[in-house]
Amino acid sequence: MPYPKGHRDQVRERIVASARRLFNRRGFEAVSIDSIMEGAGLTRGGFYAYFKNKSDLYIEALGCFFTDPNWKNRWEGVEIDPASPQAAAQIVRAYLSRQHFDDVDNSCPMIALPNDVTRSDAKVRDAFDVVFKAMVAMLRRDVKSTSLSTDDTALAIAAMCVGGMVVARALNDTAFADRLREAATRASFRLGGWKSKKGRPSRRRPRSKSGV
């Protein structure tokens, strides 16, 4: 009996989702093809019908909401409308939000995987470039008047978002990590020339000893 239309795309999406969760939690080297397929509810034998090797899958798992139109729905309570005039401000708030901080499985790969990327081949680094440049492009289009060039402003904001969340996740001091996220958000809004809504970025819940 033939599979229904769209079956192959759905299976591929399950494999990528499983890989992304595991890569975000454990890193590239510690994750096996067996564990990826088990997480997707599939057997190892089906893997090679979709990917040549784990590195090819890794490249696809590097996708984020800057390159994946469905990503914006993955963080509950966070809205990003790429067509909105406030899209850049929404991106900053979402990126430095508690939801993003807490959702390790669906983290942007630029936070969870940079060390893996630096040790990888040119194809993987190129994939990382695509995600970061897509983020910069989305921020750049909404930058208001600034003392820096539009490109430099967007680059600086992207760096604050990514770097700010990387450091916040590494901190054990909850209050200090909250201050860092808030400061990065305020600085990004000021640099971009965007009006900040009332209130501060949501504070995160105390995390467990495992960091999740």
N, C-alpha and C. Protein backbone atom coordinates (compact mmCIF):
# COMPACT_ATOMS: atom_id res chain seq x y z
N MET A 1 0.85 -1.19 0.00
CA MET A 1 0.00 0.00 0.00
C MET A 1 0.89 1.25 0.00
N PRO A 2 0.68 2.15 -0.95
CA PRO A 2 1.53 3.34 -1.03
C PRO A 2 1.31 4.28 0.15
N TYR A 3 2.39 5.02 0.50
CA TYR A 3 2.27 5.99 1.59
C TYR A 3 1.45 7.19 1.11
N PRO A 4 0.74 7.86 2.01
CA PRO A 4 -0.04 9.03 1.62
C PRO A 4 0.87 10.17 1.17
N LYS A 5 0.31 11.10 0.42
CA LYS A 5 1.05 12.23 -0.07
C LYS A 5 1.63 13.03 1.10
N GLY A 6 2.86 13.41 0.98
CA GLY A 6 3.50 14.20 2.03
C GLY A 6 4.18 13.36 3.09
N HIS A 7 4.06 12.04 3.00
CA HIS A 7 4.63 11.16 4.02
C HIS A 7 6.14 11.35 4.14
N ARG A 8 6.81 11.39 3.01
CA ARG A 8 8.27 11.50 3.03
C ARG A 8 8.73 12.80 3.69
N ASP A 9 8.05 13.88 3.37
CA ASP A 9 8.40 15.17 3.98
C ASP A 9 8.19 15.14 5.50
N GLN A 10 7.12 14.49 5.92
CA GLN A 10 6.83 14.39 7.35
C GLN A 10 7.88 13.58 8.09
N VAL A 11 8.31 12.48 7.47
CA VAL A 11 9.34 11.65 8.10
C VAL A 11 10.65 12.42 8.20
N ARG A 12 11.00 13.11 7.13
CA ARG A 12 12.24 13.90 7.15
C ARG A 12 12.18 14.95 8.25
N GLU A 13 11.05 15.58 8.40
CA GLU A 13 10.89 16.60 9.44
C GLU A 13 11.04 16.00 10.84
N ARG A 14 10.54 14.79 11.02
CA ARG A 14 10.69 14.11 12.32
C ARG A 14 12.15 13.81 12.62
N ILE A 15 12.89 13.40 11.61
CA ILE A 15 14.31 13.10 11.80
C ILE A 15 15.07 14.38 12.16
N VAL A 16 14.80 15.45 11.44
CA VAL A 16 15.48 16.72 11.70
C VAL A 16 15.14 17.24 13.09
N ALA A 17 13.87 17.15 13.47
CA ALA A 17 13.44 17.62 14.80
C ALA A 17 14.12 16.82 15.90
N SER A 18 14.20 15.51 15.73
CA SER A 18 14.88 14.67 16.71
C SER A 18 16.36 15.03 16.80
N ALA A 19 17.00 15.21 15.66
CA ALA A 19 18.41 15.56 15.64
C ALA A 19 18.66 16.90 16.31
N ARG A 20 17.81 17.87 16.02
CA ARG A 20 18.00 19.20 16.60
C ARG A 20 17.91 19.14 18.13
N ARG A 21 16.91 18.41 18.63
CA ARG A 21 16.78 18.29 20.08
C ARG A 21 18.04 17.68 20.70
N LEU A 22 18.51 16.59 20.10
CA LEU A 22 19.66 15.88 20.65
C LEU A 22 20.95 16.67 20.49
N PHE A 23 21.14 17.31 19.32
CA PHE A 23 22.34 18.12 19.11
C PHE A 23 22.38 19.27 20.12
N ASN A 24 21.23 19.90 20.35
CA ASN A 24 21.17 21.02 21.28
C ASN A 24 21.52 20.59 22.70
N ARG A 25 21.14 19.38 23.05
CA ARG A 25 21.37 18.89 24.42
C ARG A 25 22.77 18.32 24.60
N ARG A 26 23.27 17.61 23.59
CA ARG A 26 24.49 16.84 23.78
C ARG A 26 25.66 17.26 22.88
N GLY A 27 25.39 18.00 21.83
CA GLY A 27 26.44 18.32 20.87
C GLY A 27 26.52 17.25 19.78
N PHE A 28 27.24 17.58 18.72
CA PHE A 28 27.28 16.72 17.54
C PHE A 28 27.94 15.37 17.81
N GLU A 29 29.09 15.39 18.42
CA GLU A 29 29.87 14.16 18.56
C GLU A 29 29.19 13.13 19.44
N ALA A 30 28.46 13.57 20.46
CA ALA A 30 27.87 12.65 21.42
C ALA A 30 26.56 12.02 20.95
N VAL A 31 26.07 12.44 19.80
CA VAL A 31 24.77 11.95 19.32
C VAL A 31 24.98 10.94 18.19
N SER A 32 24.37 9.79 18.31
CA SER A 32 24.50 8.75 17.28
C SER A 32 23.29 8.76 16.35
N ILE A 33 23.48 8.17 15.19
CA ILE A 33 22.36 8.03 14.26
C ILE A 33 21.26 7.18 14.88
N ASP A 34 21.65 6.14 15.62
CA ASP A 34 20.66 5.29 16.29
C ASP A 34 19.78 6.10 17.22
N SER A 35 20.40 6.99 18.02
CA SER A 35 19.61 7.77 18.99
C SER A 35 18.72 8.78 18.28
N ILE A 36 19.20 9.33 17.16
CA ILE A 36 18.38 10.26 16.39
C ILE A 36 17.13 9.56 15.84
N MET A 37 17.34 8.40 15.26
CA MET A 37 16.21 7.68 14.67
C MET A 37 15.27 7.16 15.75
N GLU A 38 15.81 6.75 16.88
CA GLU A 38 14.95 6.32 17.99
C GLU A 38 14.09 7.48 18.48
N GLY A 39 14.70 8.67 18.56
CA GLY A 39 13.95 9.85 18.98
C GLY A 39 12.86 10.23 18.01
N ALA A 40 13.04 9.85 16.74
CA ALA A 40 12.03 10.13 15.72
C ALA A 40 11.01 9.01 15.60
N GLY A 41 11.19 7.93 16.40
CA GLY A 41 10.28 6.79 16.32
C GLY A 41 10.50 5.95 15.08
N LEU A 42 11.77 5.91 14.59
CA LEU A 42 12.09 5.20 13.36
C LEU A 42 13.28 4.29 13.60
N THR A 43 13.55 3.43 12.63
CA THR A 43 14.70 2.53 12.73
C THR A 43 15.88 3.11 11.97
N ARG A 44 17.09 2.69 12.35
CA ARG A 44 18.30 3.21 11.74
C ARG A 44 18.32 2.99 10.23
N GLY A 45 17.77 1.87 9.77
CA GLY A 45 17.83 1.54 8.35
C GLY A 45 17.20 2.59 7.45
N GLY A 46 16.24 3.36 7.98
CA GLY A 46 15.57 4.36 7.16
C GLY A 46 16.35 5.65 7.02
N PHE A 47 17.39 5.81 7.83
CA PHE A 47 18.12 7.08 7.84
C PHE A 47 18.69 7.43 6.47
N TYR A 48 19.30 6.45 5.83
CA TYR A 48 20.04 6.71 4.60
C TYR A 48 19.15 6.92 3.38
N ALA A 49 17.86 6.78 3.57
CA ALA A 49 16.94 7.14 2.50
C ALA A 49 16.71 8.65 2.46
N TYR A 50 17.18 9.33 3.51
CA TYR A 50 16.96 10.77 3.62
C TYR A 50 18.25 11.59 3.69
N PHE A 51 19.30 11.00 4.27
CA PHE A 51 20.56 11.73 4.44
C PHE A 51 21.74 10.82 4.13
N LYS A 52 22.80 11.41 3.59
CA LYS A 52 24.00 10.63 3.28
C LYS A 52 24.74 10.25 4.54
N ASN A 53 24.79 11.17 5.50
CA ASN A 53 25.53 10.93 6.73
C ASN A 53 25.04 11.90 7.80
N LYS A 54 25.61 11.80 8.99
CA LYS A 54 25.19 12.64 10.10
C LYS A 54 25.53 14.11 9.85
N SER A 55 26.63 14.37 9.16
CA SER A 55 27.01 15.76 8.88
C SER A 55 25.98 16.46 8.01
N ASP A 56 25.43 15.76 7.01
CA ASP A 56 24.40 16.36 6.16
C ASP A 56 23.15 16.69 6.98
N LEU A 57 22.81 15.80 7.90
CA LEU A 57 21.67 16.06 8.77
C LEU A 57 21.96 17.25 9.68
N TYR A 58 23.18 17.33 10.17
CA TYR A 58 23.59 18.42 11.05
C TYR A 58 23.40 19.78 10.37
N ILE A 59 23.74 19.84 9.09
CA ILE A 59 23.58 21.09 8.35
C ILE A 59 22.11 21.50 8.31
N GLU A 60 21.23 20.54 8.08
CA GLU A 60 19.80 20.87 8.04
C GLU A 60 19.28 21.25 9.42
N ALA A 61 19.81 20.61 10.46
CA ALA A 61 19.38 20.91 11.83
C ALA A 61 19.82 22.30 12.28
N LEU A 62 20.74 22.92 11.54
CA LEU A 62 21.20 24.26 11.89
C LEU A 62 20.17 25.33 11.56
N GLY A 63 19.08 24.94 10.91
CA GLY A 63 18.05 25.92 10.58
C GLY A 63 17.47 26.57 11.83
N CYS A 64 16.96 27.79 11.67
CA CYS A 64 16.38 28.52 12.80
C CYS A 64 15.21 29.34 12.27
N PHE A 65 14.58 30.15 13.16
CA PHE A 65 13.40 30.86 12.66
C PHE A 65 13.76 31.93 11.65
N PHE A 66 15.03 32.20 11.46
CA PHE A 66 15.43 33.15 10.42
C PHE A 66 15.41 32.51 9.04
N THR A 67 15.48 31.19 8.99
CA THR A 67 15.46 30.47 7.71
C THR A 67 14.31 29.48 7.61
N ASP A 68 13.61 29.23 8.72
CA ASP A 68 12.51 28.28 8.75
C ASP A 68 11.22 29.02 9.07
N PRO A 69 10.28 29.14 8.12
CA PRO A 69 9.07 29.94 8.33
C PRO A 69 8.16 29.38 9.42
N ASN A 70 8.33 28.12 9.79
CA ASN A 70 7.48 27.54 10.84
C ASN A 70 8.07 27.70 12.24
N TRP A 71 9.30 28.16 12.33
CA TRP A 71 9.98 28.22 13.61
C TRP A 71 9.30 29.16 14.60
N LYS A 72 8.69 30.22 14.10
CA LYS A 72 8.12 31.23 14.98
C LYS A 72 7.03 30.69 15.88
N ASN A 73 6.47 29.52 15.54
CA ASN A 73 5.42 28.95 16.35
C ASN A 73 5.93 28.00 17.43
N ARG A 74 7.23 27.84 17.55
CA ARG A 74 7.76 26.82 18.45
C ARG A 74 7.99 27.30 19.87
N TRP A 75 8.00 28.58 20.10
CA TRP A 75 8.17 29.10 21.45
C TRP A 75 6.84 29.66 21.93
N GLU A 76 6.21 28.97 22.84
CA GLU A 76 4.89 29.36 23.33
C GLU A 76 4.94 30.76 23.94
N GLY A 77 4.00 31.59 23.53
CA GLY A 77 3.93 32.94 24.07
C GLY A 77 4.80 33.95 23.36
N VAL A 78 5.54 33.51 22.34
CA VAL A 78 6.42 34.41 21.60
C VAL A 78 5.90 34.55 20.18
N GLU A 79 5.74 35.78 19.73
CA GLU A 79 5.24 36.03 18.38
C GLU A 79 6.27 36.79 17.57
N ILE A 80 6.54 36.28 16.39
CA ILE A 80 7.42 36.98 15.45
C ILE A 80 6.73 36.99 14.10
N ASP A 81 6.42 38.16 13.62
CA ASP A 81 5.80 38.31 12.31
C ASP A 81 6.81 38.97 11.37
N PRO A 82 7.43 38.18 10.48
CA PRO A 82 8.45 38.73 9.58
C PRO A 82 7.97 39.90 8.73
N ALA A 83 6.65 39.99 8.51
CA ALA A 83 6.11 41.05 7.68
C ALA A 83 5.80 42.32 8.48
N SER A 84 5.92 42.24 9.79
CA SER A 84 5.58 43.38 10.64
C SER A 84 6.65 44.46 10.59
N PRO A 85 6.25 45.74 10.68
CA PRO A 85 7.24 46.83 10.76
C PRO A 85 8.08 46.74 12.05
N GLN A 86 7.58 46.00 13.02
CA GLN A 86 8.29 45.82 14.29
C GLN A 86 9.00 44.46 14.37
N ALA A 87 9.24 43.84 13.21
CA ALA A 87 9.80 42.49 13.21
C ALA A 87 11.15 42.42 13.93
N ALA A 88 12.01 43.39 13.71
CA ALA A 88 13.34 43.36 14.33
C ALA A 88 13.24 43.44 15.84
N ALA A 89 12.38 44.33 16.34
CA ALA A 89 12.19 44.42 17.79
C ALA A 89 11.61 43.12 18.35
N GLN A 90 10.70 42.50 17.61
CA GLN A 90 10.13 41.22 18.03
C GLN A 90 11.20 40.15 18.12
N ILE A 91 12.12 40.16 17.15
CA ILE A 91 13.20 39.18 17.12
C ILE A 91 14.08 39.32 18.36
N VAL A 92 14.44 40.55 18.69
CA VAL A 92 15.30 40.78 19.86
C VAL A 92 14.61 40.30 21.13
N ARG A 93 13.34 40.68 21.31
CA ARG A 93 12.61 40.25 22.50
C ARG A 93 12.50 38.72 22.56
N ALA A 94 12.20 38.11 21.42
CA ALA A 94 12.05 36.65 21.39
C ALA A 94 13.38 35.97 21.68
N TYR A 95 14.43 36.47 21.09
CA TYR A 95 15.74 35.82 21.22
C TYR A 95 16.24 35.85 22.66
N LEU A 96 15.95 36.95 23.36
CA LEU A 96 16.42 37.11 24.73
C LEU A 96 15.34 36.79 25.75
N SER A 97 14.29 36.14 25.31
CA SER A 97 13.16 35.82 26.18
C SER A 97 13.43 34.63 27.09
N ARG A 98 12.65 34.52 28.14
CA ARG A 98 12.73 33.35 29.00
C ARG A 98 12.33 32.10 28.25
N GLN A 99 11.35 32.22 27.35
CA GLN A 99 10.91 31.05 26.59
C GLN A 99 12.06 30.44 25.80
N HIS A 100 12.84 31.30 25.15
CA HIS A 100 13.98 30.79 24.39
C HIS A 100 15.02 30.21 25.33
N PHE A 101 15.25 30.89 26.44
CA PHE A 101 16.23 30.40 27.40
C PHE A 101 15.86 29.00 27.90
N ASP A 102 14.59 28.82 28.24
CA ASP A 102 14.14 27.55 28.83
C ASP A 102 13.99 26.43 27.82
N ASP A 103 13.70 26.77 26.56
CA ASP A 103 13.43 25.74 25.57
C ASP A 103 14.72 25.28 24.91
N VAL A 104 15.47 24.46 25.63
CA VAL A 104 16.77 23.99 25.14
C VAL A 104 16.59 23.17 23.87
N ASP A 105 15.57 22.33 23.83
CA ASP A 105 15.38 21.46 22.67
C ASP A 105 15.22 22.24 21.38
N ASN A 106 14.55 23.38 21.44
CA ASN A 106 14.28 24.17 20.24
C ASN A 106 15.10 25.45 20.20
N SER A 107 16.26 25.43 20.83
CA SER A 107 17.12 26.61 20.81
C SER A 107 17.56 26.93 19.39
N CYS A 108 17.80 28.21 19.15
CA CYS A 108 18.47 28.58 17.91
C CYS A 108 19.84 27.93 17.93
N PRO A 109 20.26 27.29 16.86
CA PRO A 109 21.54 26.58 16.85
C PRO A 109 22.74 27.50 17.03
N MET A 110 22.59 28.78 16.80
CA MET A 110 23.71 29.68 17.00
C MET A 110 24.06 29.80 18.48
N ILE A 111 23.14 29.41 19.36
CA ILE A 111 23.41 29.42 20.79
C ILE A 111 23.97 28.08 21.24
N ALA A 112 23.35 27.02 20.79
CA ALA A 112 23.69 25.69 21.30
C ALA A 112 24.89 25.06 20.62
N LEU A 113 25.17 25.42 19.38
CA LEU A 113 26.12 24.64 18.60
C LEU A 113 27.37 25.37 18.08
N PRO A 114 27.69 26.57 18.54
CA PRO A 114 28.83 27.26 17.92
C PRO A 114 30.16 26.53 18.07
N ASN A 115 30.40 25.89 19.21
CA ASN A 115 31.65 25.16 19.38
C ASN A 115 31.77 24.00 18.41
N ASP A 116 30.66 23.30 18.19
CA ASP A 116 30.65 22.22 17.21
C ASP A 116 30.96 22.76 15.81
N VAL A 117 30.37 23.89 15.49
CA VAL A 117 30.54 24.46 14.16
C VAL A 117 31.99 24.82 13.89
N THR A 118 32.65 25.40 14.88
CA THR A 118 34.04 25.81 14.66
C THR A 118 34.96 24.62 14.42
N ARG A 119 34.55 23.44 14.88
CA ARG A 119 35.37 22.24 14.68
C ARG A 119 34.95 21.47 13.43
N SER A 120 33.95 21.96 12.73
CA SER A 120 33.39 21.23 11.60
C SER A 120 33.98 21.69 10.27
N ASP A 121 33.54 21.02 9.20
CA ASP A 121 34.07 21.35 7.88
C ASP A 121 33.41 22.61 7.31
N ALA A 122 33.87 23.01 6.14
CA ALA A 122 33.42 24.26 5.53
C ALA A 122 31.92 24.25 5.23
N LYS A 123 31.36 23.09 4.88
CA LYS A 123 29.92 23.01 4.57
C LYS A 123 29.09 23.36 5.80
N VAL A 124 29.50 22.88 6.95
CA VAL A 124 28.77 23.16 8.18
C VAL A 124 28.92 24.64 8.55
N ARG A 125 30.12 25.18 8.44
CA ARG A 125 30.34 26.60 8.75
C ARG A 125 29.56 27.49 7.79
N ASP A 126 29.47 27.08 6.54
CA ASP A 126 28.66 27.83 5.57
C ASP A 126 27.19 27.85 5.98
N ALA A 127 26.70 26.71 6.49
CA ALA A 127 25.30 26.63 6.94
C ALA A 127 25.07 27.56 8.12
N PHE A 128 26.04 27.63 9.02
CA PHE A 128 25.96 28.54 10.17
C PHE A 128 25.95 29.99 9.68
N ASP A 129 26.79 30.28 8.68
CA ASP A 129 26.83 31.63 8.10
C ASP A 129 25.46 32.04 7.58
N VAL A 130 24.78 31.10 6.92
CA VAL A 130 23.47 31.39 6.33
C VAL A 130 22.49 31.83 7.41
N VAL A 131 22.48 31.13 8.55
CA VAL A 131 21.54 31.46 9.62
C VAL A 131 21.87 32.83 10.21
N PHE A 132 23.14 33.06 10.51
CA PHE A 132 23.50 34.34 11.12
C PHE A 132 23.25 35.51 10.17
N LYS A 133 23.60 35.34 8.91
CA LYS A 133 23.38 36.41 7.93
C LYS A 133 21.89 36.68 7.72
N ALA A 134 21.08 35.62 7.82
CA ALA A 134 19.63 35.82 7.69
C ALA A 134 19.10 36.63 8.87
N MET A 135 19.65 36.36 10.06
CA MET A 135 19.26 37.14 11.24
C MET A 135 19.64 38.61 11.05
N VAL A 136 20.87 38.86 10.62
CA VAL A 136 21.33 40.23 10.41
C VAL A 136 20.47 40.94 9.38
N ALA A 137 20.11 40.24 8.31
CA ALA A 137 19.29 40.84 7.26
C ALA A 137 17.91 41.26 7.78
N MET A 138 17.32 40.42 8.64
CA MET A 138 16.00 40.75 9.19
C MET A 138 16.09 41.93 10.14
N LEU A 139 17.16 42.02 10.90
CA LEU A 139 17.34 43.15 11.81
C LEU A 139 17.64 44.43 11.03
N ARG A 140 18.47 44.34 10.00
CA ARG A 140 18.93 45.51 9.25
C ARG A 140 17.78 46.28 8.62
N ARG A 141 16.77 45.60 8.16
CA ARG A 141 15.71 46.29 7.42
C ARG A 141 14.87 47.21 8.31
N ASP A 142 14.94 47.04 9.64
CA ASP A 142 14.14 47.86 10.55
C ASP A 142 14.97 48.83 11.38
N VAL A 143 16.27 48.88 11.14
CA VAL A 143 17.12 49.78 11.92
C VAL A 143 16.77 51.24 11.60
N LYS A 144 16.61 52.03 12.66
CA LYS A 144 16.31 53.45 12.49
C LYS A 144 17.62 54.23 12.43
N SER A 145 17.51 55.55 12.52
CA SER A 145 18.71 56.39 12.45
C SER A 145 19.67 56.01 13.56
N THR A 146 20.95 55.95 13.24
CA THR A 146 21.95 55.54 14.21
C THR A 146 23.29 56.15 13.83
N SER A 147 24.18 56.24 14.82
CA SER A 147 25.51 56.80 14.54
C SER A 147 26.37 55.82 13.75
N LEU A 148 25.99 54.54 13.78
CA LEU A 148 26.70 53.53 13.00
C LEU A 148 26.00 53.33 11.66
N SER A 149 26.65 52.64 10.75
CA SER A 149 25.98 52.27 9.51
C SER A 149 24.88 51.26 9.83
N THR A 150 23.90 51.16 8.96
CA THR A 150 22.82 50.20 9.17
C THR A 150 23.35 48.78 9.31
N ASP A 151 24.31 48.42 8.44
CA ASP A 151 24.89 47.08 8.50
C ASP A 151 25.59 46.82 9.82
N ASP A 152 26.41 47.79 10.26
CA ASP A 152 27.14 47.61 11.52
C ASP A 152 26.19 47.53 12.71
N THR A 153 25.12 48.32 12.66
CA THR A 153 24.14 48.28 13.75
C THR A 153 23.48 46.92 13.83
N ALA A 154 23.06 46.39 12.70
CA ALA A 154 22.42 45.08 12.68
C ALA A 154 23.37 43.98 13.15
N LEU A 155 24.63 44.07 12.73
CA LEU A 155 25.63 43.10 13.16
C LEU A 155 25.83 43.15 14.67
N ALA A 156 25.91 44.36 15.22
CA ALA A 156 26.12 44.52 16.65
C ALA A 156 24.93 43.98 17.45
N ILE A 157 23.72 44.23 16.98
CA ILE A 157 22.54 43.74 17.68
C ILE A 157 22.47 42.22 17.63
N ALA A 158 22.76 41.66 16.46
CA ALA A 158 22.77 40.20 16.34
C ALA A 158 23.80 39.59 17.29
N ALA A 159 24.96 40.21 17.38
CA ALA A 159 26.01 39.70 18.27
C ALA A 159 25.57 39.78 19.73
N MET A 160 24.89 40.87 20.10
CA MET A 160 24.40 40.99 21.48
C MET A 160 23.35 39.94 21.80
N CYS A 161 22.48 39.66 20.83
CA CYS A 161 21.44 38.66 21.05
C CYS A 161 22.04 37.26 21.23
N VAL A 162 22.87 36.87 20.28
CA VAL A 162 23.46 35.53 20.33
C VAL A 162 24.41 35.41 21.52
N GLY A 163 25.34 36.35 21.62
CA GLY A 163 26.31 36.29 22.71
C GLY A 163 25.66 36.43 24.07
N GLY A 164 24.66 37.30 24.16
CA GLY A 164 23.98 37.49 25.44
C GLY A 164 23.32 36.22 25.94
N MET A 165 22.67 35.50 25.03
CA MET A 165 22.00 34.28 25.46
C MET A 165 23.00 33.17 25.75
N VAL A 166 24.08 33.11 25.00
CA VAL A 166 25.12 32.10 25.28
C VAL A 166 25.66 32.29 26.70
N VAL A 167 26.00 33.53 27.05
CA VAL A 167 26.54 33.79 28.38
C VAL A 167 25.48 33.57 29.46
N ALA A 168 24.25 34.02 29.22
CA ALA A 168 23.18 33.84 30.20
C ALA A 168 22.96 32.37 30.52
N ARG A 169 23.01 31.54 29.50
CA ARG A 169 22.83 30.10 29.72
C ARG A 169 23.98 29.50 30.51
N ALA A 170 25.15 30.10 30.41
CA ALA A 170 26.33 29.56 31.10
C ALA A 170 26.39 29.97 32.57
N LEU A 171 25.65 31.00 32.93
CA LEU A 171 25.70 31.51 34.29
C LEU A 171 24.88 30.65 35.25
N ASN A 172 25.38 30.52 36.48
CA ASN A 172 24.63 29.81 37.52
C ASN A 172 23.84 30.77 38.38
N ASP A 173 24.20 32.05 38.35
CA ASP A 173 23.54 33.08 39.12
C ASP A 173 22.29 33.55 38.37
N THR A 174 21.13 33.12 38.84
CA THR A 174 19.88 33.40 38.15
C THR A 174 19.62 34.90 37.99
N ALA A 175 19.78 35.64 39.08
CA ALA A 175 19.50 37.08 39.03
C ALA A 175 20.45 37.79 38.06
N PHE A 176 21.71 37.39 38.08
CA PHE A 176 22.68 38.02 37.19
C PHE A 176 22.39 37.69 35.73
N ALA A 177 21.96 36.45 35.45
CA ALA A 177 21.60 36.07 34.09
C ALA A 177 20.39 36.87 33.61
N ASP A 178 19.43 37.12 34.51
CA ASP A 178 18.27 37.94 34.15
C ASP A 178 18.70 39.37 33.82
N ARG A 179 19.59 39.91 34.63
CA ARG A 179 20.08 41.27 34.37
C ARG A 179 20.78 41.34 33.03
N LEU A 180 21.53 40.31 32.70
CA LEU A 180 22.24 40.28 31.42
C LEU A 180 21.26 40.32 30.26
N ARG A 181 20.24 39.47 30.31
CA ARG A 181 19.25 39.45 29.22
C ARG A 181 18.55 40.79 29.08
N GLU A 182 18.20 41.37 30.22
CA GLU A 182 17.51 42.67 30.21
C GLU A 182 18.40 43.76 29.64
N ALA A 183 19.66 43.77 30.07
CA ALA A 183 20.59 44.79 29.58
C ALA A 183 20.82 44.65 28.08
N ALA A 184 20.97 43.42 27.60
CA ALA A 184 21.18 43.19 26.17
C ALA A 184 19.97 43.63 25.37
N THR A 185 18.78 43.39 25.91
CA THR A 185 17.56 43.80 25.22
C THR A 185 17.47 45.32 25.14
N ARG A 186 17.70 45.99 26.27
CA ARG A 186 17.63 47.46 26.29
C ARG A 186 18.67 48.07 25.35
N ALA A 187 19.88 47.55 25.41
CA ALA A 187 20.95 48.09 24.55
C ALA A 187 20.63 47.88 23.07
N SER A 188 20.07 46.72 22.74
CA SER A 188 19.71 46.43 21.35
C SER A 188 18.61 47.37 20.86
N PHE A 189 17.62 47.61 21.70
CA PHE A 189 16.53 48.52 21.32
C PHE A 189 17.06 49.94 21.13
N ARG A 190 17.93 50.36 22.02
CA ARG A 190 18.50 51.71 21.91
C ARG A 190 19.31 51.84 20.63
N LEU A 191 20.12 50.84 20.37
CA LEU A 191 20.97 50.87 19.18
C LEU A 191 20.15 50.82 17.90
N GLY A 192 19.07 50.04 17.92
CA GLY A 192 18.23 49.93 16.73
C GLY A 192 17.28 51.09 16.53
N GLY A 193 17.11 51.93 17.58
CA GLY A 193 16.20 53.06 17.48
C GLY A 193 14.75 52.67 17.62
N TRP A 194 14.48 51.58 18.36
CA TRP A 194 13.11 51.10 18.53
C TRP A 194 12.57 51.50 19.89
N LYS A 195 11.28 51.75 19.93
CA LYS A 195 10.62 52.08 21.18
C LYS A 195 10.39 50.80 21.97
N SER A 196 10.75 50.83 23.23
CA SER A 196 10.60 49.65 24.08
C SER A 196 9.23 49.67 24.72
N LYS A 197 8.61 48.48 24.77
CA LYS A 197 7.33 48.37 25.45
C LYS A 197 7.55 48.48 26.95
N LYS A 198 6.47 48.73 27.67
CA LYS A 198 6.58 48.80 29.12
C LYS A 198 6.97 47.44 29.67
N GLY A 199 7.72 47.48 30.75
CA GLY A 199 8.11 46.22 31.37
C GLY A 199 9.44 45.73 30.85
N ARG A 200 9.94 44.71 31.50
CA ARG A 200 11.22 44.13 31.15
C ARG A 200 11.04 42.76 30.55
N PRO A 201 12.07 42.23 29.92
CA PRO A 201 11.98 40.86 29.42
C PRO A 201 11.67 39.92 30.57
N SER A 202 10.88 38.89 30.31
CA SER A 202 10.45 37.98 31.36
C SER A 202 11.64 37.34 32.05
N ARG A 203 11.53 37.23 33.37
CA ARG A 203 12.59 36.58 34.13
C ARG A 203 12.38 35.08 34.07
N ARG A 204 13.46 34.36 34.04
CA ARG A 204 13.35 32.93 33.89
C ARG A 204 13.11 32.25 35.22
N ARG A 205 12.57 31.07 35.17
CA ARG A 205 12.39 30.25 36.36
C ARG A 205 13.74 29.69 36.78
N PRO A 206 13.92 29.44 38.10
CA PRO A 206 15.18 28.82 38.53
C PRO A 206 15.37 27.50 37.82
N ARG A 207 16.56 27.26 37.28
CA ARG A 207 16.79 26.05 36.54
C ARG A 207 17.32 24.95 37.46
N SER A 208 17.20 23.73 37.01
CA SER A 208 17.67 22.60 37.79
C SER A 208 19.17 22.50 37.73
N LYS A 209 19.74 21.64 38.55
CA LYS A 209 21.19 21.44 38.56
C LYS A 209 21.71 20.99 37.21
N SER A 210 20.83 20.32 36.42
CA SER A 210 21.25 19.85 35.10
C SER A 210 21.30 20.95 34.07
N GLY A 211 20.76 22.13 34.46
CA GLY A 211 20.79 23.28 33.55
C GLY A 211 19.63 23.31 32.59
N VAL A 212 18.56 22.48 32.82
CA VAL A 212 17.41 22.46 31.93
C VAL A 212 16.13 22.70 32.71
